[in-house]
Amino acid sequence: MRKNILIFNALIVVFTVGTVSCTTDRLSQTAEAVRLSSALTQNDYLIGKGDILQIVTWKEPDFSGDFPVRIDGKISFPLLDDMHAAGRTTARIRDELTEKLKEYVMHPVVSVSVKSMESQKFYILGEVAKQGEYPLSKNLTVLHAIALAQGFTEWAGKNDIVLIRQENGSETLMKISYGKIVKQGELHQNVLIRADDIIVVP
């Protein structure tokens, strides 16, 4: 229900984006703050159902591979009981695997990363070739999102893009100029996308 409300609000923004006004300084500061706060290691990411974990045990190919998080929030790992993964961090999974593998491997060295964040979604609406919901992969930026949507339509307002984000119970709007990113090198506007973000291209 919350996502439906967000999408409805975004559709309204498509037609009212011209009324969104912020100073350039404020937008730059907001975008920079988002970039810094989003530049987190995967150790801070809480694994969700549907995510795919990449687990590598050094010199142990039988204990390495890609492991999907099932609908019950668990992963199946060779020789070990099903392990609960949803709601945990990669660091916690790594530590638990390292401890359990000591029964089979001498001094196991394990690394765990999120290969695909299928539980996390974002939305892109408006004048793009393919509107809709997309999975959020790590280090995905506004430019990446536009590429996933197969680019702009002929009538797109490329320099009036709006990113809608829910933070601490309130809605934040960021105005983004495609031209300033690609032509003027203002890379601070190419912000990292977060789960449930809505990108509106008027």
N, C-alpha and C. Protein backbone atom coordinates (compact mmCIF):
# COMPACT_ATOMS: atom_id res chain seq x y z
N MET A 1 0.83 -1.21 0.00
CA MET A 1 0.00 0.00 0.00
C MET A 1 0.86 1.25 0.00
N ARG A 2 1.95 1.26 0.82
CA ARG A 2 2.82 2.44 0.89
C ARG A 2 3.47 2.72 -0.46
N LYS A 3 3.92 1.63 -1.15
CA LYS A 3 4.55 1.82 -2.45
C LYS A 3 3.55 2.36 -3.46
N ASN A 4 2.29 1.88 -3.41
CA ASN A 4 1.27 2.39 -4.32
C ASN A 4 1.06 3.88 -4.12
N ILE A 5 1.05 4.32 -2.85
CA ILE A 5 0.89 5.74 -2.55
C ILE A 5 2.06 6.54 -3.10
N LEU A 6 3.28 5.99 -2.94
CA LEU A 6 4.47 6.67 -3.45
C LEU A 6 4.40 6.83 -4.96
N ILE A 7 3.98 5.76 -5.66
CA ILE A 7 3.90 5.81 -7.11
C ILE A 7 2.84 6.80 -7.55
N PHE A 8 1.69 6.82 -6.83
CA PHE A 8 0.63 7.79 -7.15
C PHE A 8 1.15 9.21 -7.00
N ASN A 9 1.88 9.45 -5.90
CA ASN A 9 2.46 10.78 -5.70
C ASN A 9 3.44 11.13 -6.81
N ALA A 10 4.18 10.13 -7.26
CA ALA A 10 5.17 10.37 -8.32
C ALA A 10 4.49 10.75 -9.62
N LEU A 11 3.36 10.12 -9.92
CA LEU A 11 2.63 10.45 -11.14
C LEU A 11 2.14 11.90 -11.11
N ILE A 12 1.77 12.34 -9.92
CA ILE A 12 1.37 13.76 -9.77
C ILE A 12 2.56 14.67 -10.07
N VAL A 13 3.75 14.23 -9.58
CA VAL A 13 4.95 15.05 -9.79
C VAL A 13 5.28 15.18 -11.26
N VAL A 14 4.95 14.14 -12.08
CA VAL A 14 5.22 14.21 -13.51
C VAL A 14 4.60 15.46 -14.11
N PHE A 15 3.39 15.80 -13.63
CA PHE A 15 2.67 16.93 -14.19
C PHE A 15 2.93 18.25 -13.45
N THR A 16 3.54 18.14 -12.28
CA THR A 16 3.75 19.36 -11.50
C THR A 16 5.20 19.66 -11.24
N VAL A 17 6.09 18.90 -11.95
CA VAL A 17 7.51 19.05 -11.65
C VAL A 17 8.02 20.45 -11.89
N GLY A 18 7.33 21.17 -12.78
CA GLY A 18 7.76 22.52 -13.06
C GLY A 18 7.63 23.44 -11.86
N THR A 19 6.81 23.03 -10.90
CA THR A 19 6.62 23.87 -9.73
C THR A 19 7.63 23.59 -8.63
N VAL A 20 8.41 22.51 -8.80
CA VAL A 20 9.40 22.18 -7.78
C VAL A 20 10.54 23.18 -7.87
N SER A 21 10.84 23.84 -6.77
CA SER A 21 11.89 24.85 -6.81
C SER A 21 12.82 24.69 -5.63
N CYS A 22 14.11 24.66 -5.93
CA CYS A 22 15.16 24.64 -4.90
C CYS A 22 16.32 25.43 -5.46
N THR A 23 17.11 26.02 -4.59
CA THR A 23 18.30 26.71 -5.06
C THR A 23 19.34 25.69 -5.45
N THR A 24 20.23 26.10 -6.36
CA THR A 24 21.29 25.19 -6.82
C THR A 24 22.16 24.74 -5.67
N ASP A 25 22.47 25.67 -4.75
CA ASP A 25 23.32 25.31 -3.62
C ASP A 25 22.66 24.25 -2.75
N ARG A 26 21.38 24.41 -2.49
CA ARG A 26 20.67 23.46 -1.64
C ARG A 26 20.63 22.08 -2.28
N LEU A 27 20.37 22.06 -3.62
CA LEU A 27 20.34 20.78 -4.33
C LEU A 27 21.69 20.09 -4.29
N SER A 28 22.76 20.87 -4.49
CA SER A 28 24.09 20.30 -4.48
C SER A 28 24.43 19.72 -3.12
N GLN A 29 24.08 20.46 -2.07
CA GLN A 29 24.36 19.98 -0.73
C GLN A 29 23.58 18.71 -0.42
N THR A 30 22.31 18.68 -0.86
CA THR A 30 21.49 17.50 -0.62
C THR A 30 22.03 16.29 -1.35
N ALA A 31 22.39 16.49 -2.63
CA ALA A 31 22.93 15.39 -3.42
C ALA A 31 24.23 14.86 -2.83
N GLU A 32 25.07 15.78 -2.37
CA GLU A 32 26.35 15.36 -1.79
C GLU A 32 26.13 14.59 -0.50
N ALA A 33 25.18 15.05 0.30
CA ALA A 33 24.87 14.33 1.54
C ALA A 33 24.35 12.93 1.25
N VAL A 34 23.51 12.82 0.22
CA VAL A 34 22.99 11.51 -0.16
C VAL A 34 24.13 10.61 -0.63
N ARG A 35 25.05 11.17 -1.43
CA ARG A 35 26.16 10.37 -1.93
C ARG A 35 27.01 9.83 -0.79
N LEU A 36 27.30 10.68 0.18
CA LEU A 36 28.14 10.25 1.29
C LEU A 36 27.43 9.24 2.17
N SER A 37 26.15 9.48 2.44
CA SER A 37 25.42 8.57 3.32
C SER A 37 25.13 7.24 2.64
N SER A 38 25.11 7.23 1.29
CA SER A 38 24.83 6.01 0.56
C SER A 38 26.08 5.17 0.32
N ALA A 39 27.25 5.77 0.48
CA ALA A 39 28.50 5.07 0.20
C ALA A 39 28.86 4.16 1.37
N LEU A 40 28.01 3.17 1.60
CA LEU A 40 28.20 2.24 2.70
C LEU A 40 28.78 0.94 2.19
N THR A 41 29.48 0.23 3.03
CA THR A 41 29.95 -1.09 2.66
C THR A 41 28.79 -2.06 2.72
N GLN A 42 28.95 -3.20 2.09
CA GLN A 42 27.88 -4.18 2.11
C GLN A 42 27.66 -4.73 3.51
N ASN A 43 28.61 -4.52 4.41
CA ASN A 43 28.41 -4.97 5.79
C ASN A 43 27.23 -4.28 6.45
N ASP A 44 26.81 -3.13 5.91
CA ASP A 44 25.70 -2.38 6.48
C ASP A 44 24.36 -2.78 5.87
N TYR A 45 24.40 -3.54 4.79
CA TYR A 45 23.18 -3.91 4.08
C TYR A 45 22.51 -5.11 4.74
N LEU A 46 21.20 -5.00 4.99
CA LEU A 46 20.45 -6.12 5.55
C LEU A 46 19.91 -6.98 4.42
N ILE A 47 20.31 -8.22 4.40
CA ILE A 47 19.94 -9.16 3.34
C ILE A 47 18.43 -9.38 3.35
N GLY A 48 17.85 -9.51 2.16
CA GLY A 48 16.41 -9.72 2.04
C GLY A 48 16.09 -10.97 1.25
N LYS A 49 14.85 -11.41 1.34
CA LYS A 49 14.39 -12.58 0.59
C LYS A 49 14.49 -12.30 -0.90
N GLY A 50 15.05 -13.25 -1.64
CA GLY A 50 15.23 -13.07 -3.07
C GLY A 50 16.61 -12.59 -3.46
N ASP A 51 17.38 -12.05 -2.51
CA ASP A 51 18.75 -11.64 -2.79
C ASP A 51 19.59 -12.87 -3.15
N ILE A 52 20.66 -12.64 -3.87
CA ILE A 52 21.60 -13.71 -4.19
C ILE A 52 22.95 -13.38 -3.56
N LEU A 53 23.43 -14.28 -2.71
CA LEU A 53 24.72 -14.09 -2.04
C LEU A 53 25.82 -14.82 -2.80
N GLN A 54 26.96 -14.17 -2.90
CA GLN A 54 28.15 -14.81 -3.46
C GLN A 54 29.08 -15.14 -2.30
N ILE A 55 29.28 -16.42 -2.08
CA ILE A 55 30.11 -16.89 -0.97
C ILE A 55 31.34 -17.59 -1.53
N VAL A 56 32.50 -17.15 -1.08
CA VAL A 56 33.76 -17.74 -1.53
C VAL A 56 34.55 -18.20 -0.32
N THR A 57 34.87 -19.48 -0.30
CA THR A 57 35.74 -20.04 0.73
C THR A 57 37.09 -20.33 0.07
N TRP A 58 38.11 -19.68 0.55
CA TRP A 58 39.44 -19.72 -0.10
C TRP A 58 39.93 -21.15 -0.27
N LYS A 59 40.26 -21.47 -1.53
CA LYS A 59 40.79 -22.78 -1.91
C LYS A 59 39.81 -23.93 -1.65
N GLU A 60 38.53 -23.59 -1.54
CA GLU A 60 37.50 -24.62 -1.30
C GLU A 60 36.32 -24.40 -2.25
N PRO A 61 36.47 -24.81 -3.52
CA PRO A 61 35.38 -24.58 -4.50
C PRO A 61 34.07 -25.26 -4.13
N ASP A 62 34.14 -26.37 -3.36
CA ASP A 62 32.91 -27.05 -2.95
C ASP A 62 32.09 -26.22 -1.97
N PHE A 63 32.74 -25.25 -1.34
CA PHE A 63 32.06 -24.38 -0.38
C PHE A 63 31.98 -22.95 -0.90
N SER A 64 31.97 -22.83 -2.21
CA SER A 64 31.89 -21.51 -2.84
C SER A 64 30.81 -21.52 -3.91
N GLY A 65 30.24 -20.35 -4.17
CA GLY A 65 29.23 -20.25 -5.22
C GLY A 65 28.20 -19.17 -4.93
N ASP A 66 27.14 -19.17 -5.73
CA ASP A 66 26.04 -18.23 -5.57
C ASP A 66 24.89 -18.92 -4.85
N PHE A 67 24.35 -18.26 -3.84
CA PHE A 67 23.32 -18.87 -2.99
C PHE A 67 22.12 -17.94 -2.86
N PRO A 68 20.98 -18.29 -3.47
CA PRO A 68 19.79 -17.45 -3.36
C PRO A 68 19.16 -17.55 -1.98
N VAL A 69 18.64 -16.43 -1.51
CA VAL A 69 17.91 -16.41 -0.24
C VAL A 69 16.47 -16.79 -0.55
N ARG A 70 16.01 -17.91 0.00
CA ARG A 70 14.69 -18.43 -0.31
C ARG A 70 13.59 -17.58 0.33
N ILE A 71 12.36 -17.93 -0.02
CA ILE A 71 11.21 -17.19 0.49
C ILE A 71 11.10 -17.30 2.01
N ASP A 72 11.67 -18.36 2.59
CA ASP A 72 11.66 -18.50 4.05
C ASP A 72 12.83 -17.77 4.71
N GLY A 73 13.61 -17.04 3.88
CA GLY A 73 14.72 -16.24 4.41
C GLY A 73 15.99 -17.01 4.65
N LYS A 74 16.06 -18.26 4.20
CA LYS A 74 17.24 -19.08 4.45
C LYS A 74 18.01 -19.39 3.17
N ILE A 75 19.28 -19.80 3.33
CA ILE A 75 20.07 -20.31 2.22
C ILE A 75 20.46 -21.75 2.52
N SER A 76 20.68 -22.51 1.47
CA SER A 76 21.16 -23.88 1.61
C SER A 76 22.65 -23.90 1.30
N PHE A 77 23.45 -24.45 2.22
CA PHE A 77 24.90 -24.45 2.06
C PHE A 77 25.40 -25.89 2.22
N PRO A 78 26.36 -26.32 1.35
CA PRO A 78 26.83 -27.71 1.39
C PRO A 78 27.27 -28.16 2.78
N LEU A 79 26.78 -29.33 3.20
CA LEU A 79 27.12 -30.02 4.45
C LEU A 79 26.59 -29.33 5.70
N LEU A 80 26.09 -28.13 5.56
CA LEU A 80 25.58 -27.40 6.72
C LEU A 80 24.06 -27.35 6.69
N ASP A 81 23.47 -27.20 7.85
CA ASP A 81 22.02 -27.01 7.90
C ASP A 81 21.66 -25.69 7.22
N ASP A 82 20.38 -25.58 6.81
CA ASP A 82 19.93 -24.31 6.25
C ASP A 82 20.24 -23.18 7.23
N MET A 83 20.75 -22.08 6.66
CA MET A 83 21.14 -20.94 7.50
C MET A 83 20.22 -19.76 7.24
N HIS A 84 19.76 -19.14 8.31
CA HIS A 84 18.90 -17.96 8.15
C HIS A 84 19.76 -16.78 7.70
N ALA A 85 19.32 -16.12 6.62
CA ALA A 85 20.10 -15.01 6.06
C ALA A 85 19.34 -13.70 6.06
N ALA A 86 18.02 -13.73 5.81
CA ALA A 86 17.24 -12.49 5.71
C ALA A 86 17.30 -11.70 7.02
N GLY A 87 17.53 -10.40 6.88
CA GLY A 87 17.62 -9.53 8.06
C GLY A 87 18.99 -9.47 8.68
N ARG A 88 19.94 -10.24 8.13
CA ARG A 88 21.31 -10.24 8.65
C ARG A 88 22.24 -9.51 7.68
N THR A 89 23.42 -9.19 8.15
CA THR A 89 24.43 -8.57 7.31
C THR A 89 25.36 -9.64 6.74
N THR A 90 26.09 -9.27 5.70
CA THR A 90 27.06 -10.21 5.11
C THR A 90 28.15 -10.56 6.12
N ALA A 91 28.51 -9.62 6.98
CA ALA A 91 29.55 -9.88 7.98
C ALA A 91 29.10 -10.96 8.96
N ARG A 92 27.83 -10.89 9.35
CA ARG A 92 27.31 -11.89 10.29
C ARG A 92 27.25 -13.27 9.65
N ILE A 93 26.83 -13.34 8.38
CA ILE A 93 26.81 -14.61 7.66
C ILE A 93 28.22 -15.17 7.53
N ARG A 94 29.16 -14.29 7.19
CA ARG A 94 30.56 -14.71 7.06
C ARG A 94 31.08 -15.32 8.35
N ASP A 95 30.83 -14.65 9.45
CA ASP A 95 31.34 -15.14 10.74
C ASP A 95 30.72 -16.49 11.11
N GLU A 96 29.42 -16.63 10.85
CA GLU A 96 28.75 -17.89 11.19
C GLU A 96 29.26 -19.03 10.32
N LEU A 97 29.43 -18.76 9.02
CA LEU A 97 29.96 -19.79 8.12
C LEU A 97 31.39 -20.18 8.50
N THR A 98 32.19 -19.18 8.82
CA THR A 98 33.57 -19.46 9.21
C THR A 98 33.62 -20.40 10.41
N GLU A 99 32.77 -20.17 11.37
CA GLU A 99 32.74 -21.00 12.57
C GLU A 99 32.26 -22.42 12.25
N LYS A 100 31.20 -22.54 11.46
CA LYS A 100 30.65 -23.85 11.15
C LYS A 100 31.55 -24.67 10.24
N LEU A 101 32.28 -24.00 9.35
CA LEU A 101 33.15 -24.72 8.41
C LEU A 101 34.41 -25.27 9.06
N LYS A 102 34.70 -24.83 10.27
CA LYS A 102 35.88 -25.35 10.96
C LYS A 102 35.81 -26.86 11.17
N GLU A 103 34.61 -27.40 11.12
CA GLU A 103 34.43 -28.85 11.27
C GLU A 103 34.91 -29.60 10.02
N TYR A 104 34.96 -28.88 8.89
CA TYR A 104 35.31 -29.53 7.62
C TYR A 104 36.56 -28.97 6.97
N VAL A 105 36.92 -27.74 7.30
CA VAL A 105 38.05 -27.07 6.67
C VAL A 105 38.97 -26.52 7.74
N MET A 106 40.28 -26.72 7.56
CA MET A 106 41.25 -26.18 8.50
C MET A 106 41.45 -24.69 8.22
N HIS A 107 41.21 -23.86 9.19
CA HIS A 107 41.37 -22.41 9.09
C HIS A 107 40.62 -21.83 7.88
N PRO A 108 39.31 -21.98 7.83
CA PRO A 108 38.55 -21.47 6.68
C PRO A 108 38.60 -19.95 6.58
N VAL A 109 38.75 -19.48 5.35
CA VAL A 109 38.72 -18.04 5.07
C VAL A 109 37.53 -17.80 4.14
N VAL A 110 36.52 -17.12 4.66
CA VAL A 110 35.25 -16.98 3.94
C VAL A 110 34.98 -15.51 3.64
N SER A 111 34.49 -15.25 2.44
CA SER A 111 34.00 -13.90 2.10
C SER A 111 32.56 -14.03 1.61
N VAL A 112 31.75 -13.07 1.98
CA VAL A 112 30.33 -13.07 1.60
C VAL A 112 29.99 -11.69 1.05
N SER A 113 29.37 -11.67 -0.12
CA SER A 113 28.92 -10.40 -0.70
C SER A 113 27.53 -10.60 -1.30
N VAL A 114 26.84 -9.50 -1.51
CA VAL A 114 25.51 -9.55 -2.14
C VAL A 114 25.71 -9.36 -3.64
N LYS A 115 25.49 -10.43 -4.38
CA LYS A 115 25.68 -10.36 -5.83
C LYS A 115 24.51 -9.67 -6.50
N SER A 116 23.31 -9.92 -6.01
CA SER A 116 22.11 -9.32 -6.60
C SER A 116 21.12 -8.98 -5.49
N MET A 117 20.75 -7.70 -5.40
CA MET A 117 19.83 -7.23 -4.37
C MET A 117 18.39 -7.29 -4.89
N GLU A 118 17.91 -8.50 -5.10
CA GLU A 118 16.58 -8.67 -5.68
C GLU A 118 15.46 -8.24 -4.75
N SER A 119 15.74 -8.15 -3.45
CA SER A 119 14.70 -7.74 -2.51
C SER A 119 14.51 -6.23 -2.49
N GLN A 120 15.42 -5.50 -3.12
CA GLN A 120 15.38 -4.05 -3.11
C GLN A 120 14.95 -3.55 -4.49
N LYS A 121 14.02 -2.62 -4.53
CA LYS A 121 13.48 -2.11 -5.80
C LYS A 121 13.53 -0.59 -5.83
N PHE A 122 13.56 -0.05 -7.06
CA PHE A 122 13.34 1.39 -7.26
C PHE A 122 12.43 1.54 -8.47
N TYR A 123 11.96 2.77 -8.70
CA TYR A 123 10.96 3.01 -9.74
C TYR A 123 11.40 4.18 -10.60
N ILE A 124 11.13 4.07 -11.90
CA ILE A 124 11.42 5.19 -12.80
C ILE A 124 10.19 5.39 -13.67
N LEU A 125 9.69 6.63 -13.69
CA LEU A 125 8.43 6.96 -14.35
C LEU A 125 8.61 8.17 -15.26
N GLY A 126 7.65 8.35 -16.17
CA GLY A 126 7.67 9.53 -17.03
C GLY A 126 8.22 9.24 -18.41
N GLU A 127 8.98 10.19 -18.94
CA GLU A 127 9.44 10.14 -20.32
C GLU A 127 10.74 9.34 -20.48
N VAL A 128 10.63 8.05 -20.20
CA VAL A 128 11.70 7.10 -20.50
C VAL A 128 11.11 5.99 -21.35
N ALA A 129 11.96 5.25 -22.02
CA ALA A 129 11.47 4.23 -22.95
C ALA A 129 10.74 3.10 -22.23
N LYS A 130 11.18 2.79 -21.02
CA LYS A 130 10.58 1.65 -20.31
C LYS A 130 10.38 2.01 -18.85
N GLN A 131 9.20 2.52 -18.52
CA GLN A 131 8.87 2.84 -17.14
C GLN A 131 8.68 1.56 -16.33
N GLY A 132 8.78 1.71 -15.00
CA GLY A 132 8.44 0.57 -14.16
C GLY A 132 9.31 0.38 -12.95
N GLU A 133 9.23 -0.83 -12.40
CA GLU A 133 9.96 -1.22 -11.19
C GLU A 133 11.21 -1.99 -11.60
N TYR A 134 12.33 -1.68 -10.94
CA TYR A 134 13.60 -2.32 -11.26
C TYR A 134 14.29 -2.79 -9.98
N PRO A 135 15.04 -3.89 -10.08
CA PRO A 135 15.82 -4.33 -8.92
C PRO A 135 16.97 -3.36 -8.66
N LEU A 136 17.27 -3.14 -7.40
CA LEU A 136 18.34 -2.23 -7.01
C LEU A 136 19.63 -3.02 -6.84
N SER A 137 20.58 -2.79 -7.72
CA SER A 137 21.89 -3.42 -7.59
C SER A 137 22.83 -2.46 -6.88
N LYS A 138 23.95 -2.98 -6.39
CA LYS A 138 24.86 -2.13 -5.63
C LYS A 138 25.49 -1.08 -6.53
N ASN A 139 25.72 0.08 -5.95
CA ASN A 139 26.36 1.21 -6.63
C ASN A 139 25.59 1.70 -7.86
N LEU A 140 24.27 1.55 -7.85
CA LEU A 140 23.45 2.01 -8.96
C LEU A 140 23.21 3.52 -8.83
N THR A 141 23.49 4.25 -9.90
CA THR A 141 23.32 5.69 -9.90
C THR A 141 22.15 6.11 -10.78
N VAL A 142 21.86 7.40 -10.80
CA VAL A 142 20.79 7.93 -11.64
C VAL A 142 21.04 7.60 -13.11
N LEU A 143 22.27 7.77 -13.57
CA LEU A 143 22.59 7.48 -14.97
C LEU A 143 22.40 6.00 -15.28
N HIS A 144 22.80 5.14 -14.34
CA HIS A 144 22.57 3.70 -14.53
C HIS A 144 21.07 3.42 -14.64
N ALA A 145 20.29 4.06 -13.78
CA ALA A 145 18.84 3.84 -13.78
C ALA A 145 18.22 4.23 -15.12
N ILE A 146 18.65 5.35 -15.66
CA ILE A 146 18.13 5.81 -16.96
C ILE A 146 18.51 4.82 -18.05
N ALA A 147 19.73 4.29 -17.98
CA ALA A 147 20.16 3.29 -18.97
C ALA A 147 19.32 2.03 -18.87
N LEU A 148 18.99 1.59 -17.63
CA LEU A 148 18.14 0.42 -17.45
C LEU A 148 16.76 0.63 -18.06
N ALA A 149 16.29 1.88 -18.00
CA ALA A 149 14.99 2.22 -18.57
C ALA A 149 15.08 2.49 -20.07
N GLN A 150 16.23 2.17 -20.67
CA GLN A 150 16.47 2.27 -22.11
C GLN A 150 16.44 3.70 -22.63
N GLY A 151 16.81 4.64 -21.75
CA GLY A 151 16.99 6.01 -22.19
C GLY A 151 15.72 6.85 -22.21
N PHE A 152 15.89 8.10 -22.66
CA PHE A 152 14.80 9.06 -22.67
C PHE A 152 13.93 8.93 -23.92
N THR A 153 12.70 9.41 -23.81
CA THR A 153 11.87 9.58 -25.00
C THR A 153 12.25 10.91 -25.67
N GLU A 154 11.66 11.14 -26.81
CA GLU A 154 11.97 12.36 -27.57
C GLU A 154 11.57 13.62 -26.81
N TRP A 155 10.55 13.51 -25.94
CA TRP A 155 9.99 14.71 -25.29
C TRP A 155 10.48 14.88 -23.85
N ALA A 156 11.44 14.11 -23.44
CA ALA A 156 11.87 14.13 -22.04
C ALA A 156 12.48 15.46 -21.63
N GLY A 157 12.13 15.88 -20.41
CA GLY A 157 12.78 17.06 -19.83
C GLY A 157 14.03 16.61 -19.09
N LYS A 158 15.10 16.39 -19.81
CA LYS A 158 16.31 15.76 -19.26
C LYS A 158 16.93 16.55 -18.12
N ASN A 159 16.71 17.83 -18.11
CA ASN A 159 17.35 18.66 -17.10
C ASN A 159 16.42 19.00 -15.93
N ASP A 160 15.27 18.38 -15.91
CA ASP A 160 14.30 18.62 -14.83
C ASP A 160 13.88 17.31 -14.16
N ILE A 161 14.78 16.35 -14.10
CA ILE A 161 14.50 15.06 -13.45
C ILE A 161 14.31 15.28 -11.96
N VAL A 162 13.36 14.57 -11.38
CA VAL A 162 13.12 14.66 -9.94
C VAL A 162 13.27 13.28 -9.32
N LEU A 163 14.04 13.20 -8.25
CA LEU A 163 14.17 11.98 -7.47
C LEU A 163 13.39 12.16 -6.17
N ILE A 164 12.45 11.24 -5.93
CA ILE A 164 11.61 11.29 -4.73
C ILE A 164 12.08 10.22 -3.77
N ARG A 165 12.36 10.61 -2.55
CA ARG A 165 12.89 9.67 -1.55
C ARG A 165 12.16 9.86 -0.22
N GLN A 166 11.83 8.74 0.41
CA GLN A 166 11.23 8.75 1.74
C GLN A 166 12.33 8.61 2.78
N GLU A 167 12.42 9.60 3.67
CA GLU A 167 13.44 9.58 4.72
C GLU A 167 12.81 10.01 6.04
N ASN A 168 12.93 9.13 7.04
CA ASN A 168 12.44 9.45 8.38
C ASN A 168 10.98 9.92 8.37
N GLY A 169 10.18 9.25 7.56
CA GLY A 169 8.76 9.56 7.52
C GLY A 169 8.37 10.77 6.70
N SER A 170 9.33 11.41 6.06
CA SER A 170 9.01 12.57 5.22
C SER A 170 9.54 12.35 3.81
N GLU A 171 9.01 13.13 2.89
CA GLU A 171 9.35 13.00 1.48
C GLU A 171 10.36 14.06 1.08
N THR A 172 11.45 13.62 0.45
CA THR A 172 12.50 14.53 -0.02
C THR A 172 12.51 14.53 -1.54
N LEU A 173 12.56 15.73 -2.14
CA LEU A 173 12.64 15.86 -3.59
C LEU A 173 14.01 16.42 -3.96
N MET A 174 14.64 15.78 -4.95
CA MET A 174 15.91 16.28 -5.46
C MET A 174 15.78 16.51 -6.96
N LYS A 175 16.13 17.69 -7.41
CA LYS A 175 16.09 18.00 -8.83
C LYS A 175 17.46 17.68 -9.44
N ILE A 176 17.44 16.96 -10.56
CA ILE A 176 18.67 16.47 -11.17
C ILE A 176 18.68 16.86 -12.64
N SER A 177 19.82 17.38 -13.10
CA SER A 177 19.98 17.78 -14.50
C SER A 177 20.91 16.80 -15.20
N TYR A 178 20.38 16.07 -16.16
CA TYR A 178 21.18 15.12 -16.94
C TYR A 178 22.30 15.85 -17.68
N GLY A 179 21.96 17.01 -18.24
CA GLY A 179 22.95 17.78 -19.00
C GLY A 179 24.13 18.21 -18.14
N LYS A 180 23.85 18.62 -16.90
CA LYS A 180 24.94 19.06 -16.04
C LYS A 180 25.85 17.90 -15.63
N ILE A 181 25.27 16.70 -15.57
CA ILE A 181 26.09 15.53 -15.21
C ILE A 181 27.02 15.17 -16.36
N VAL A 182 26.46 15.01 -17.57
CA VAL A 182 27.24 14.47 -18.69
C VAL A 182 28.02 15.54 -19.45
N LYS A 183 27.54 16.77 -19.43
CA LYS A 183 28.21 17.81 -20.20
C LYS A 183 29.08 18.72 -19.36
N GLN A 184 28.67 18.97 -18.12
CA GLN A 184 29.41 19.88 -17.26
C GLN A 184 30.17 19.16 -16.14
N GLY A 185 30.03 17.86 -16.08
CA GLY A 185 30.79 17.07 -15.11
C GLY A 185 30.37 17.26 -13.67
N GLU A 186 29.12 17.65 -13.43
CA GLU A 186 28.64 17.82 -12.05
C GLU A 186 28.21 16.45 -11.51
N LEU A 187 29.21 15.62 -11.19
CA LEU A 187 28.95 14.23 -10.83
C LEU A 187 28.24 14.08 -9.49
N HIS A 188 28.24 15.14 -8.67
CA HIS A 188 27.53 15.05 -7.39
C HIS A 188 26.02 14.89 -7.60
N GLN A 189 25.54 15.26 -8.81
CA GLN A 189 24.12 15.07 -9.09
C GLN A 189 23.79 13.63 -9.48
N ASN A 190 24.81 12.87 -9.84
CA ASN A 190 24.60 11.47 -10.23
C ASN A 190 24.55 10.61 -8.97
N VAL A 191 23.53 10.80 -8.17
CA VAL A 191 23.46 10.22 -6.83
C VAL A 191 23.21 8.71 -6.89
N LEU A 192 23.59 8.04 -5.83
CA LEU A 192 23.32 6.62 -5.69
C LEU A 192 21.84 6.42 -5.35
N ILE A 193 21.24 5.43 -6.00
CA ILE A 193 19.82 5.13 -5.79
C ILE A 193 19.66 4.27 -4.54
N ARG A 194 18.60 4.54 -3.76
CA ARG A 194 18.28 3.73 -2.59
C ARG A 194 16.97 2.97 -2.84
N ALA A 195 16.72 1.99 -2.01
CA ALA A 195 15.50 1.20 -2.11
C ALA A 195 14.28 2.11 -2.01
N ASP A 196 13.30 1.88 -2.89
CA ASP A 196 12.03 2.59 -2.93
C ASP A 196 12.13 4.02 -3.48
N ASP A 197 13.31 4.40 -3.98
CA ASP A 197 13.42 5.70 -4.65
C ASP A 197 12.52 5.70 -5.88
N ILE A 198 12.00 6.89 -6.23
CA ILE A 198 11.22 7.07 -7.45
C ILE A 198 11.87 8.16 -8.27
N ILE A 199 12.23 7.84 -9.51
CA ILE A 199 12.82 8.81 -10.42
C ILE A 199 11.73 9.21 -11.41
N VAL A 200 11.49 10.50 -11.52
CA VAL A 200 10.46 11.01 -12.43
C VAL A 200 11.11 11.86 -13.51
N VAL A 201 10.90 11.49 -14.77
CA VAL A 201 11.43 12.25 -15.91
C VAL A 201 10.24 12.92 -16.59
N PRO A 202 10.09 14.24 -16.46
CA PRO A 202 8.91 14.93 -17.03
C PRO A 202 8.99 15.05 -18.55
